[in-house]
Amino acid sequence: MAKKKTTDPGSSIVKNHSNKFMMGRNNYLIMLVGLILLAIGFALMAGGGTDDPSIFPKEEIYSFRRISLSVIVIMIGFGIQIFAIMRKPKSEGF
C-alpha cells in the first residue's frame, strides 16, 4: 500500500503570506496629517507661564487660543487618526 501524502491546510496560508503592511499607503499619509495636527494643537496649548510666582497672567493663560482653538485642533487630529485607521485601503500593501 502506498502512503498518502497529507498536506496541512494551514500551510498554504503561510506560503502565500507575504510581508505587507496592515494598511495602505494613503492610510499612513492620513495618519501623518493627523499627527501633525495633534502636534500643532499641543503647541497652541503651550506657554502662558511666568518665572515670577506672584504674577498670574489671566488673559494669557485663559486666552481663546489655549482654551478653545487648541482643543478643537486636537479633536480634529484625533478624528483624522480614527478615520485613517478605520478606512479600508484601496490597494494591497505599499
Protein backbone atom coordinates (compact mmCIF):
# COMPACT_ATOMS: atom_id res chain seq x y z
CA MET A 1 0.00 0.00 0.00
CA ALA A 2 1.20 3.42 -0.86
CA LYS A 3 1.20 6.05 1.80
CA LYS A 4 -1.00 9.05 1.13
CA LYS A 5 0.71 12.37 1.30
CA THR A 6 -1.18 14.64 3.67
CA THR A 7 -0.91 18.38 3.47
CA ASP A 8 -1.66 20.80 6.21
CA PRO A 9 -4.47 23.16 5.17
CA GLY A 10 -2.83 26.00 7.10
CA SER A 11 0.49 25.61 5.27
CA SER A 12 -0.87 27.15 2.07
CA ILE A 13 -1.78 30.25 4.01
CA VAL A 14 1.74 30.58 5.33
CA LYS A 15 3.26 30.06 1.89
CA ASN A 16 1.01 32.67 0.25
CA HIS A 17 1.54 35.20 3.03
CA SER A 18 3.92 37.97 2.07
CA ASN A 19 5.31 40.85 4.09
CA LYS A 20 2.73 43.57 3.55
CA PHE A 21 1.65 46.43 5.72
CA MET A 22 -1.65 46.26 7.53
CA MET A 23 -2.92 49.48 5.94
CA GLY A 24 -2.36 51.12 2.59
CA ARG A 25 -0.01 53.99 1.83
CA ASN A 26 -2.82 56.54 1.85
CA ASN A 27 -3.87 55.42 5.33
CA TYR A 28 -0.38 56.12 6.64
CA LEU A 29 -0.31 59.52 4.93
CA ILE A 30 -3.64 60.42 6.51
CA MET A 31 -2.27 59.30 9.89
CA LEU A 32 0.74 61.55 9.36
CA VAL A 33 -1.58 64.51 8.75
CA GLY A 34 -3.43 63.65 11.95
CA LEU A 35 -0.17 63.51 13.91
CA ILE A 36 0.88 66.89 12.53
CA LEU A 37 -2.45 68.38 13.60
CA LEU A 38 -2.04 66.88 17.07
CA ALA A 39 1.42 68.42 17.38
CA ILE A 40 0.09 71.81 16.24
CA GLY A 41 -2.75 71.60 18.75
CA PHE A 42 -0.43 70.82 21.65
CA ALA A 43 1.93 73.59 20.55
CA LEU A 44 -1.00 76.05 20.56
CA MET A 45 -1.82 74.95 24.10
CA ALA A 46 1.72 75.52 25.41
CA GLY A 47 3.02 78.65 27.12
CA GLY A 48 1.38 81.27 29.26
CA GLY A 49 3.53 80.80 32.35
CA THR A 50 5.82 83.25 34.11
CA ASP A 51 9.00 82.95 36.11
CA ASP A 52 7.59 85.09 38.93
CA PRO A 53 5.10 83.08 41.06
CA SER A 54 3.40 86.26 42.31
CA ILE A 55 2.19 87.19 38.81
CA PHE A 56 -0.82 85.40 37.32
CA PRO A 57 -1.49 86.50 33.71
CA LYS A 58 -5.20 85.58 33.37
CA GLU A 59 -5.62 86.94 29.86
CA GLU A 60 -2.65 84.97 28.61
CA ILE A 61 -3.48 81.68 30.30
CA TYR A 62 -7.21 81.73 29.58
CA SER A 63 -6.93 83.01 26.02
CA PHE A 64 -9.07 81.73 23.15
CA ARG A 65 -6.01 80.12 21.58
CA ARG A 66 -5.23 77.92 24.61
CA ILE A 67 -8.74 77.13 25.82
CA SER A 68 -10.72 76.71 22.59
CA LEU A 69 -8.64 76.68 19.42
CA SER A 70 -6.04 74.18 20.62
CA VAL A 71 -8.70 71.75 21.86
CA ILE A 72 -10.60 71.97 18.56
CA VAL A 73 -7.41 71.29 16.56
CA ILE A 74 -6.51 68.33 18.81
CA MET A 75 -10.00 66.81 18.45
CA ILE A 76 -9.82 67.17 14.67
CA GLY A 77 -6.42 65.45 14.78
CA PHE A 78 -7.82 62.54 16.78
CA GLY A 79 -10.78 62.31 14.40
CA ILE A 80 -8.41 62.10 11.44
CA GLN A 81 -6.45 59.35 13.22
CA ILE A 82 -9.61 57.31 13.76
CA PHE A 83 -10.63 57.83 10.13
CA ALA A 84 -7.18 56.72 8.89
CA ILE A 85 -7.28 53.56 10.98
CA MET A 86 -10.85 52.60 10.04
CA ARG A 87 -10.54 53.43 6.32
CA LYS A 88 -10.31 50.37 4.09
CA PRO A 89 -7.25 50.57 1.83
CA LYS A 90 -7.96 50.63 -1.89
CA SER A 91 -4.86 48.69 -2.88
CA GLU A 92 -2.99 45.84 -1.27
CA GLY A 93 0.19 46.78 0.56
CA PHE A 94 2.50 49.70 -0.06
